[in-house]
Amino acid sequence: MENNESTESSTKKSSSSKKERVVVVSTVRTPFVKSFGVFEQETALSLSLRVASEVISKTGVQASDIDECIWGVVIPQTKNANLAREIVLFSGLPTTIAGFTLNKACNSSLQTAEIAADRILLGKNKLVLAGGVEVLSDVPIPFSDEARRFLTKMSRARSFKERLSLIGSVNPKWFLPKPPALAEPFTGLTMGEHAEIMTVKNNVSRARQDELAYKSHINAASAIEAGYLKDEIVPVWTGKDKNIFVDKDNMVRADTSIESMAKLKPVFDKRNGTITAANSSPLTDGAAVALLASESYVKEKKLPYLGYIVDTVTVAVDPNDQLLIGPAYAIPKILKRNNLTKDDIDIFEIHEAFAGQVLSCLDSMNNETFCREKLDSSLFGTIPPSKINIQGGAIAIGHPFGATGARLIGNALRILKRKGGKYAVVAVCAAGGMGMAMLLESK
């Protein structure tokens, strides 16, 4: 009898935990600004501290209730190797809050949110900071391998004579700065070169790419003008003397035109290419965070909130084929898993690494051969443009690699709330041939 009762109790507990939902209490981000500009005095830690502190203050949660801090950054500084833990310590949060940092390329802060959500669903955590950051203005610039080996030998040399001998072998070229590699390690090609391959394979014209980029800027400018982005942005005092006030994304161009975009030359394939600075996302500095909680915690504390994370999927493809095609796999997959169709979704936020990449994903999902051979399904179909990136995307707003996912979560849920919609899908491509999609539900 005791064993039966124990089993029944365990079953009830398991059943109860399955009913728990993951709530997005709020999201906060800094303005997204052009790298090597107004945030040149900032670091990944300083911007992360700004958003983490703000989301706690904004929601009114007790800092002592936070179980964990999970953060994403793609090009980390060695001085803050575990950035998440440093955020806890430097922000004055209780030192009992653990933190860990991850790198999943442009999927990073979607991944931090997924891990946080999973831990909440497992009953391990009730309240988690899940965010990401990128400050390319403060990336580490290493020396060459030859310089590294020379400096190591110098530090180990035991005599002046030995050091003098080493100095005589020095080549000054060894000490030229070596910027972080932009190429994919596996393929040897840059993201832009891979995007060019995709546009050719999917027959995406330059005109269509420029049109999408134009709409990104116009939609973002309209959203800013209407005040729709104010709730998600925390201002930053910056500069050497902290006397520069930044409260808006600074790369959105309300005055752009398709004609001006058409005049720009291709960046990656200078002879036959179609990808330009105008139809690509710019290098960007910024941070973003989502505060996630169990629904039971939210109800207990009577907290206002944005919505729910319903599900997340990750996909991966051969990088040699179409590196950034991940969303075309992830979007149909997450809808099928949740017995939904594209018509059930009110808002799609599809990350704009390049206009050609977005169009390649959309065209692929509306291609019978792709759906049959790659997705093993019938035709997915066309997503209405009126549902896609209606407040602009990364081409206009910017793309701090580690922070974009968290921005998209907050943006999608706020649009749902304003428009009275129910479901949104966020989809992001990533280096290495990866992609993620997240299904969100409004209150």
Protein backbone atom coordinates (compact mmCIF):
# COMPACT_ATOMS: atom_id res chain seq x y z
CA MET A 1 0.00 0.00 0.00
CA GLU A 2 2.80 2.37 0.86
CA ASN A 3 4.43 1.78 -2.51
CA ASN A 4 1.14 2.49 -4.31
CA GLU A 5 0.65 5.71 -2.37
CA SER A 6 4.21 6.74 -3.13
CA THR A 7 3.68 6.07 -6.83
CA GLU A 8 0.38 7.94 -6.83
CA SER A 9 1.96 10.90 -5.03
CA SER A 10 4.84 10.93 -7.49
CA THR A 11 2.42 10.79 -10.43
CA LYS A 12 0.41 13.69 -9.07
CA LYS A 13 3.55 15.71 -8.51
CA SER A 14 4.74 14.98 -12.05
CA SER A 15 1.33 15.88 -13.46
CA SER A 16 1.29 19.11 -11.49
CA SER A 17 4.75 20.11 -12.71
CA LYS A 18 3.65 19.61 -16.31
CA LYS A 19 0.95 22.24 -15.83
CA GLU A 20 3.49 24.86 -14.78
CA ARG A 21 4.05 27.52 -17.43
CA VAL A 22 7.01 29.78 -18.10
CA VAL A 23 6.17 33.46 -17.88
CA VAL A 24 8.09 36.32 -19.47
CA VAL A 25 7.70 38.87 -16.70
CA SER A 26 9.46 41.61 -18.66
CA THR A 27 12.34 42.34 -20.99
CA VAL A 28 14.71 45.28 -21.08
CA ARG A 29 17.39 46.32 -23.54
CA THR A 30 19.80 49.16 -24.05
CA PRO A 31 19.58 51.24 -27.20
CA PHE A 32 21.29 49.33 -30.02
CA VAL A 33 24.02 51.54 -31.45
CA LYS A 34 26.65 51.36 -34.15
CA SER A 35 29.86 49.75 -32.94
CA PHE A 36 32.96 51.90 -32.44
CA GLY A 37 30.78 54.93 -31.77
CA VAL A 38 28.83 56.28 -28.84
CA PHE A 39 29.33 53.13 -26.70
CA GLU A 40 33.10 53.02 -27.23
CA GLN A 41 33.63 53.54 -23.48
CA GLU A 42 31.27 50.71 -22.54
CA THR A 43 32.00 47.04 -21.94
CA ALA A 44 29.96 43.85 -22.10
CA LEU A 45 29.79 43.98 -18.31
CA SER A 46 28.71 47.62 -18.04
CA LEU A 47 25.82 47.28 -20.50
CA SER A 48 24.76 43.96 -18.97
CA LEU A 49 24.67 45.52 -15.51
CA ARG A 50 22.45 48.29 -16.85
CA VAL A 51 19.76 45.97 -18.21
CA ALA A 52 19.90 43.45 -15.36
CA SER A 53 19.48 46.16 -12.72
CA GLU A 54 16.71 47.86 -14.69
CA VAL A 55 14.59 44.75 -15.21
CA ILE A 56 14.69 43.98 -11.48
CA SER A 57 13.79 47.57 -10.60
CA LYS A 58 11.10 47.76 -13.26
CA THR A 59 9.30 44.59 -12.22
CA GLY A 60 9.71 45.05 -8.48
CA VAL A 61 10.78 41.46 -7.86
CA GLN A 62 12.83 40.65 -4.79
CA ALA A 63 16.44 40.17 -5.82
CA SER A 64 16.71 37.40 -3.24
CA ASP A 65 14.09 35.43 -5.19
CA ILE A 66 16.31 35.17 -8.28
CA ASP A 67 17.72 31.67 -8.61
CA GLU A 68 20.13 32.05 -11.49
CA CYS A 69 21.63 34.38 -14.09
CA ILE A 70 22.28 32.96 -17.57
CA TRP A 71 23.99 35.16 -20.16
CA GLY A 72 25.12 34.92 -23.77
CA VAL A 73 28.06 36.62 -25.44
CA VAL A 74 29.71 35.64 -28.73
CA ILE A 75 33.07 37.43 -28.51
CA PRO A 76 33.86 37.47 -24.78
CA GLN A 77 36.57 39.30 -22.94
CA THR A 78 38.93 37.07 -20.99
CA LYS A 79 38.71 39.51 -18.08
CA ASN A 80 35.01 38.58 -17.72
CA ALA A 81 35.13 34.95 -18.83
CA ASN A 82 32.00 34.03 -16.86
CA LEU A 83 30.11 37.24 -17.48
CA ALA A 84 26.87 36.00 -15.90
CA ARG A 85 28.49 35.55 -12.51
CA GLU A 86 30.19 38.94 -12.74
CA ILE A 87 26.79 40.53 -13.43
CA VAL A 88 25.54 39.07 -10.15
CA LEU A 89 28.58 40.19 -8.17
CA PHE A 90 29.03 43.68 -9.61
CA SER A 91 25.31 44.54 -9.53
CA GLY A 92 25.04 43.93 -5.80
CA LEU A 93 22.67 41.00 -6.19
CA PRO A 94 22.85 38.31 -3.49
CA THR A 95 26.10 36.41 -3.89
CA THR A 96 24.15 33.17 -3.55
CA ILE A 97 22.82 33.58 -7.12
CA ALA A 98 24.76 31.33 -9.50
CA GLY A 99 25.54 32.35 -13.05
CA PHE A 100 26.93 30.85 -16.21
CA THR A 101 27.75 32.19 -19.65
CA LEU A 102 27.31 30.58 -23.05
CA ASN A 103 28.05 31.15 -26.71
CA LYS A 104 25.64 29.84 -29.33
CA ALA A 105 26.46 32.53 -31.88
CA CYS A 106 23.43 34.64 -32.80
CA ASN A 107 21.13 32.18 -31.01
CA SER A 108 22.82 32.97 -27.68
CA SER A 109 20.10 34.86 -25.81
CA LEU A 110 17.34 32.68 -27.24
CA GLN A 111 19.34 29.80 -25.82
CA THR A 112 19.70 31.44 -22.41
CA ALA A 113 15.92 31.90 -22.37
CA GLU A 114 15.32 28.27 -23.36
CA ILE A 115 17.63 26.95 -20.65
CA ALA A 116 16.00 29.23 -18.08
CA ALA A 117 12.56 28.06 -19.20
CA ASP A 118 13.55 24.40 -19.00
CA ARG A 119 14.91 24.80 -15.47
CA ILE A 120 11.68 26.49 -14.43
CA LEU A 121 9.59 23.70 -15.97
CA LEU A 122 11.71 21.12 -14.13
CA GLY A 123 10.94 22.87 -10.86
CA LYS A 124 14.59 23.72 -10.22
CA ASN A 125 14.15 27.50 -10.50
CA LYS A 126 11.30 29.95 -10.11
CA LEU A 127 12.91 33.23 -11.26
CA VAL A 128 15.78 33.61 -13.72
CA LEU A 129 17.64 36.40 -15.52
CA ALA A 130 18.26 35.29 -19.12
CA GLY A 131 20.06 37.74 -21.35
CA GLY A 132 22.90 38.51 -23.69
CA VAL A 133 25.23 41.22 -24.85
CA GLU A 134 27.75 42.20 -27.48
CA VAL A 135 30.08 45.18 -27.39
CA LEU A 136 32.23 44.99 -30.49
CA SER A 137 33.75 48.32 -29.47
CA ASP A 138 35.48 46.38 -26.68
CA VAL A 139 36.44 43.10 -28.36
CA PRO A 140 39.78 41.54 -27.42
CA ILE A 141 42.41 42.01 -30.13
CA PRO A 142 44.99 39.20 -29.83
CA PHE A 143 48.53 39.11 -31.14
CA SER A 144 49.68 36.53 -33.66
CA ASP A 145 50.62 32.99 -32.63
CA GLU A 146 54.29 33.87 -33.20
CA ALA A 147 54.04 36.82 -30.81
CA ARG A 148 52.30 34.66 -28.21
CA ARG A 149 55.02 32.01 -28.37
CA PHE A 150 57.76 34.66 -28.18
CA LEU A 151 56.24 36.31 -25.10
CA THR A 152 55.82 32.92 -23.43
CA LYS A 153 59.48 32.08 -24.03
CA MET A 154 60.54 35.52 -22.74
CA SER A 155 58.61 35.00 -19.52
CA ARG A 156 60.36 31.67 -19.00
CA ALA A 157 63.87 32.87 -19.87
CA ARG A 158 66.13 32.67 -16.82
CA SER A 159 69.01 34.88 -17.85
CA PHE A 160 69.64 38.19 -19.56
CA LYS A 161 71.67 36.39 -22.24
CA GLU A 162 68.76 34.08 -22.99
CA ARG A 163 66.35 37.02 -23.28
CA LEU A 164 68.75 38.90 -25.54
CA SER A 165 68.99 35.89 -27.83
CA LEU A 166 65.20 35.70 -28.07
CA ILE A 167 64.88 39.42 -28.83
CA GLY A 168 67.25 38.99 -31.75
CA SER A 169 64.80 36.59 -33.38
CA VAL A 170 61.81 38.94 -33.22
CA ASN A 171 59.91 39.90 -36.36
CA PRO A 172 58.01 43.20 -35.79
CA LYS A 173 55.14 41.89 -37.94
CA TRP A 174 54.35 39.41 -35.16
CA PHE A 175 52.99 42.27 -33.07
CA LEU A 176 50.53 43.66 -35.57
CA PRO A 177 46.99 43.46 -34.07
CA LYS A 178 45.00 40.43 -35.20
CA PRO A 179 41.25 41.21 -35.25
CA PRO A 180 38.82 38.38 -34.43
CA ALA A 181 38.22 36.10 -37.41
CA LEU A 182 34.92 36.70 -39.19
CA ALA A 183 35.08 33.54 -41.29
CA GLU A 184 33.33 30.29 -40.46
CA PRO A 185 36.04 27.92 -39.16
CA PHE A 186 34.51 24.91 -40.95
CA THR A 187 33.98 26.50 -44.36
CA GLY A 188 36.51 29.33 -44.41
CA LEU A 189 33.86 31.72 -45.74
CA THR A 190 32.40 34.78 -44.05
CA MET A 191 28.72 35.14 -43.17
CA GLY A 192 28.30 37.56 -46.05
CA GLU A 193 29.85 35.15 -48.51
CA HIS A 194 27.49 32.44 -47.31
CA ALA A 195 24.57 34.83 -47.68
CA GLU A 196 25.65 35.49 -51.28
CA ILE A 197 25.58 31.74 -51.93
CA MET A 198 22.04 31.61 -50.56
CA THR A 199 20.78 34.48 -52.71
CA VAL A 200 22.13 32.80 -55.85
CA LYS A 201 20.75 29.40 -54.91
CA ASN A 202 17.30 30.84 -54.20
CA ASN A 203 17.35 33.38 -57.04
CA VAL A 204 16.83 36.34 -54.70
CA SER A 205 17.26 39.60 -56.58
CA ARG A 206 19.07 42.70 -55.38
CA ALA A 207 15.83 44.68 -55.77
CA ARG A 208 13.94 42.42 -53.36
CA GLN A 209 16.75 42.62 -50.82
CA ASP A 210 16.82 46.41 -50.96
CA GLU A 211 13.04 46.55 -50.64
CA LEU A 212 13.12 44.41 -47.48
CA ALA A 213 15.89 46.56 -46.02
CA TYR A 214 13.92 49.71 -46.83
CA LYS A 215 10.83 48.33 -45.07
CA SER A 216 12.96 47.41 -42.06
CA HIS A 217 14.02 51.04 -41.65
CA ILE A 218 10.56 52.49 -42.34
CA ASN A 219 8.84 50.08 -39.95
CA ALA A 220 11.41 50.72 -37.23
CA ALA A 221 11.17 54.49 -37.70
CA SER A 222 7.37 54.33 -37.48
CA ALA A 223 7.56 52.25 -34.29
CA ILE A 224 9.95 54.75 -32.71
CA GLU A 225 7.76 57.68 -33.75
CA ALA A 226 4.71 55.98 -32.23
CA GLY A 227 6.58 55.31 -28.97
CA TYR A 228 6.22 51.53 -29.27
CA LEU A 229 9.85 50.84 -28.32
CA LYS A 230 10.02 53.04 -25.23
CA ASP A 231 8.89 50.36 -22.81
CA GLU A 232 11.68 47.97 -23.79
CA ILE A 233 14.59 50.45 -23.84
CA VAL A 234 16.55 51.65 -20.81
CA PRO A 235 18.60 54.82 -21.43
CA VAL A 236 22.36 54.77 -20.90
CA TRP A 237 24.58 57.59 -19.70
CA THR A 238 27.87 56.97 -21.47
CA GLY A 239 31.12 58.61 -22.55
CA LYS A 240 34.31 59.15 -20.61
CA ASP A 241 32.58 61.49 -18.17
CA LYS A 242 29.16 59.80 -18.40
CA ASN A 243 27.73 62.98 -19.91
CA ILE A 244 26.27 61.50 -23.11
CA PHE A 245 22.65 60.39 -22.87
CA VAL A 246 21.56 57.62 -25.24
CA ASP A 247 17.90 56.61 -25.28
CA LYS A 248 17.28 55.53 -28.89
CA ASP A 249 18.66 53.09 -31.43
CA ASN A 250 20.96 55.17 -33.60
CA MET A 251 21.05 53.30 -36.92
CA VAL A 252 17.40 53.58 -37.95
CA ARG A 253 17.07 55.81 -41.02
CA ALA A 254 13.63 57.26 -41.55
CA ASP A 255 14.93 59.20 -44.57
CA THR A 256 16.36 56.27 -46.50
CA SER A 257 15.12 55.28 -49.94
CA ILE A 258 15.32 52.29 -52.23
CA GLU A 259 17.00 54.54 -54.81
CA SER A 260 19.84 55.44 -52.43
CA MET A 261 20.28 51.79 -51.45
CA ALA A 262 20.49 50.76 -55.09
CA LYS A 263 23.57 52.95 -55.57
CA LEU A 264 25.70 51.01 -53.07
CA LYS A 265 28.26 48.51 -54.29
CA PRO A 266 28.31 44.86 -53.17
CA VAL A 267 30.55 44.13 -50.19
CA PHE A 268 31.38 40.43 -50.41
CA ASP A 269 31.21 39.54 -54.10
CA LYS A 270 32.29 42.80 -55.66
CA ARG A 271 31.73 41.67 -59.26
CA ASN A 272 28.39 39.84 -59.22
CA GLY A 273 27.16 40.16 -55.65
CA THR A 274 23.89 41.61 -54.37
CA ILE A 275 24.64 42.03 -50.67
CA THR A 276 25.53 45.56 -49.61
CA ALA A 277 25.99 47.51 -46.39
CA ALA A 278 22.39 48.69 -46.75
CA ASN A 279 20.74 45.27 -46.92
CA SER A 280 22.87 43.71 -44.16
CA SER A 281 22.68 44.10 -40.39
CA PRO A 282 25.38 46.46 -39.07
CA LEU A 283 27.97 45.76 -36.38
CA THR A 284 26.22 46.72 -33.17
CA ASP A 285 26.75 47.27 -29.44
CA GLY A 286 23.95 46.50 -27.00
CA ALA A 287 22.54 44.28 -24.26
CA ALA A 288 19.13 42.75 -23.56
CA VAL A 289 17.57 40.60 -20.84
CA ALA A 290 14.37 38.65 -20.24
CA LEU A 291 13.17 38.01 -16.69
CA LEU A 292 11.50 34.61 -16.68
CA ALA A 293 9.43 33.07 -13.89
CA SER A 294 7.15 30.18 -13.09
CA GLU A 295 3.47 31.00 -13.43
CA SER A 296 2.90 29.97 -9.81
CA TYR A 297 5.51 32.52 -8.66
CA VAL A 298 3.93 35.25 -10.78
CA LYS A 299 0.49 34.51 -9.36
CA GLU A 300 1.81 34.38 -5.80
CA LYS A 301 3.53 37.76 -6.15
CA LYS A 302 0.71 39.23 -8.30
CA LEU A 303 3.21 40.41 -10.91
CA PRO A 304 2.25 42.02 -14.21
CA TYR A 305 3.81 40.18 -17.14
CA LEU A 306 4.14 40.12 -20.93
CA GLY A 307 3.27 36.54 -21.86
CA TYR A 308 4.49 32.96 -22.00
CA ILE A 309 7.22 30.88 -23.59
CA VAL A 310 5.38 27.88 -25.01
CA ASP A 311 8.13 25.95 -26.77
CA THR A 312 11.55 26.21 -28.38
CA VAL A 313 13.30 24.19 -31.09
CA THR A 314 16.87 24.09 -32.34
CA VAL A 315 17.93 22.91 -35.80
CA ALA A 316 21.24 22.48 -37.59
CA VAL A 317 22.21 21.99 -41.23
CA ASP A 318 25.35 21.36 -43.25
CA PRO A 319 27.17 24.74 -43.21
CA ASN A 320 28.45 24.11 -46.73
CA ASP A 321 24.92 24.17 -48.10
CA GLN A 322 22.94 27.17 -46.82
CA LEU A 323 24.55 28.38 -43.60
CA LEU A 324 21.76 30.75 -42.52
CA ILE A 325 18.70 28.77 -43.63
CA GLY A 326 17.89 27.60 -40.08
CA PRO A 327 14.59 29.51 -39.68
CA ALA A 328 13.14 27.72 -42.73
CA TYR A 329 13.57 24.46 -40.81
CA ALA A 330 12.79 25.73 -37.32
CA ILE A 331 9.53 27.60 -38.01
CA PRO A 332 7.65 24.67 -39.59
CA LYS A 333 9.08 22.32 -36.96
CA ILE A 334 7.88 24.31 -33.96
CA LEU A 335 4.41 24.80 -35.42
CA LYS A 336 4.07 21.09 -36.19
CA ARG A 337 5.18 20.19 -32.65
CA ASN A 338 2.44 22.38 -31.23
CA ASN A 339 -0.33 21.43 -33.68
CA LEU A 340 -0.45 24.93 -35.14
CA THR A 341 -0.34 26.31 -38.68
CA LYS A 342 1.16 29.53 -39.95
CA ASP A 343 -2.35 30.99 -40.00
CA ASP A 344 -2.55 30.60 -36.20
CA ILE A 345 0.45 32.88 -35.73
CA ASP A 346 -0.18 36.62 -35.45
CA ILE A 347 3.42 37.84 -35.45
CA PHE A 348 6.65 36.46 -36.91
CA GLU A 349 9.96 37.97 -35.81
CA ILE A 350 12.58 36.62 -38.21
CA HIS A 351 16.10 37.82 -37.52
CA GLU A 352 17.51 39.96 -40.33
CA ALA A 353 21.17 39.04 -40.55
CA PHE A 354 20.90 39.84 -44.26
CA ALA A 355 17.84 40.67 -46.34
CA GLY A 356 18.87 37.91 -48.75
CA GLN A 357 18.96 35.39 -45.91
CA VAL A 358 15.43 36.29 -44.74
CA LEU A 359 14.07 36.09 -48.28
CA SER A 360 15.84 32.77 -48.85
CA CYS A 361 14.15 31.35 -45.75
CA LEU A 362 10.73 32.65 -46.77
CA ASP A 363 11.10 31.42 -50.35
CA SER A 364 12.27 28.00 -49.18
CA MET A 365 9.22 27.52 -46.96
CA ASN A 366 7.08 28.33 -50.01
CA ASN A 367 8.94 25.85 -52.22
CA GLU A 368 7.42 22.39 -52.66
CA THR A 369 10.74 20.71 -53.40
CA PHE A 370 12.42 22.18 -50.32
CA CYS A 371 9.51 21.24 -48.07
CA ARG A 372 9.37 17.70 -49.44
CA GLU A 373 13.11 16.99 -49.49
CA LYS A 374 14.34 18.98 -46.48
CA LEU A 375 11.31 19.09 -44.19
CA ASP A 376 9.66 15.83 -45.27
CA SER A 377 6.35 17.67 -45.39
CA SER A 378 3.84 19.25 -47.70
CA LEU A 379 4.17 22.87 -48.75
CA PHE A 380 4.43 25.21 -45.76
CA GLY A 381 3.36 28.22 -47.82
CA THR A 382 3.71 31.98 -47.75
CA ILE A 383 3.83 34.00 -44.54
CA PRO A 384 1.97 37.29 -45.13
CA PRO A 385 4.43 40.23 -45.08
CA SER A 386 1.98 42.06 -42.78
CA LYS A 387 2.94 39.59 -40.03
CA ILE A 388 6.74 39.76 -40.42
CA ASN A 389 9.01 42.19 -38.56
CA ILE A 390 6.33 44.85 -38.47
CA GLN A 391 8.43 47.10 -36.21
CA GLY A 392 11.61 46.66 -38.21
CA GLY A 393 14.42 44.18 -37.81
CA ALA A 394 18.15 43.93 -37.30
CA ILE A 395 18.97 45.64 -40.60
CA ALA A 396 17.57 48.87 -39.16
CA ILE A 397 17.74 48.37 -35.40
CA GLY A 398 21.05 46.52 -35.25
CA HIS A 399 22.32 43.14 -34.15
CA PRO A 400 24.48 42.76 -31.04
CA PHE A 401 25.15 39.05 -31.56
CA GLY A 402 24.49 37.88 -28.02
CA ALA A 403 21.50 40.15 -27.36
CA THR A 404 19.21 39.84 -30.38
CA GLY A 405 17.19 36.87 -29.15
CA ALA A 406 16.13 38.59 -25.94
CA ARG A 407 15.18 41.72 -27.89
CA LEU A 408 12.96 39.71 -30.22
CA ILE A 409 11.16 37.99 -27.33
CA GLY A 410 10.19 41.30 -25.76
CA ASN A 411 9.35 42.95 -29.06
CA ALA A 412 7.08 40.11 -30.19
CA LEU A 413 5.16 39.91 -26.91
CA ARG A 414 4.61 43.67 -26.75
CA ILE A 415 3.24 43.66 -30.30
CA LEU A 416 0.88 40.80 -29.39
CA LYS A 417 -0.33 42.74 -26.37
CA ARG A 418 -0.91 45.91 -28.37
CA LYS A 419 -2.70 44.16 -31.22
CA GLY A 420 -4.64 41.65 -29.15
CA GLY A 421 -2.94 38.68 -30.81
CA LYS A 422 -2.36 35.26 -29.30
CA TYR A 423 0.76 33.65 -30.77
CA ALA A 424 4.13 34.86 -32.02
CA VAL A 425 7.11 32.99 -33.42
CA VAL A 426 10.67 34.25 -33.08
CA ALA A 427 13.25 32.67 -35.40
CA VAL A 428 16.99 33.32 -35.57
CA CYS A 429 19.72 31.91 -37.82
CA ALA A 430 23.22 31.40 -36.45
CA ALA A 431 26.79 30.60 -37.38
CA GLY A 432 27.68 26.96 -37.81
CA GLY A 433 24.51 26.27 -39.78
CA MET A 434 22.25 26.48 -36.73
CA GLY A 435 18.87 28.04 -36.10
CA MET A 436 16.27 28.37 -33.38
CA ALA A 437 12.57 29.17 -33.16
CA MET A 438 10.54 30.07 -30.08
CA LEU A 439 6.76 30.01 -29.76
CA LEU A 440 5.32 32.74 -27.55
CA GLU A 441 1.81 33.29 -26.26
CA SER A 442 0.24 36.50 -25.00
CA LYS A 443 -1.44 36.93 -21.62
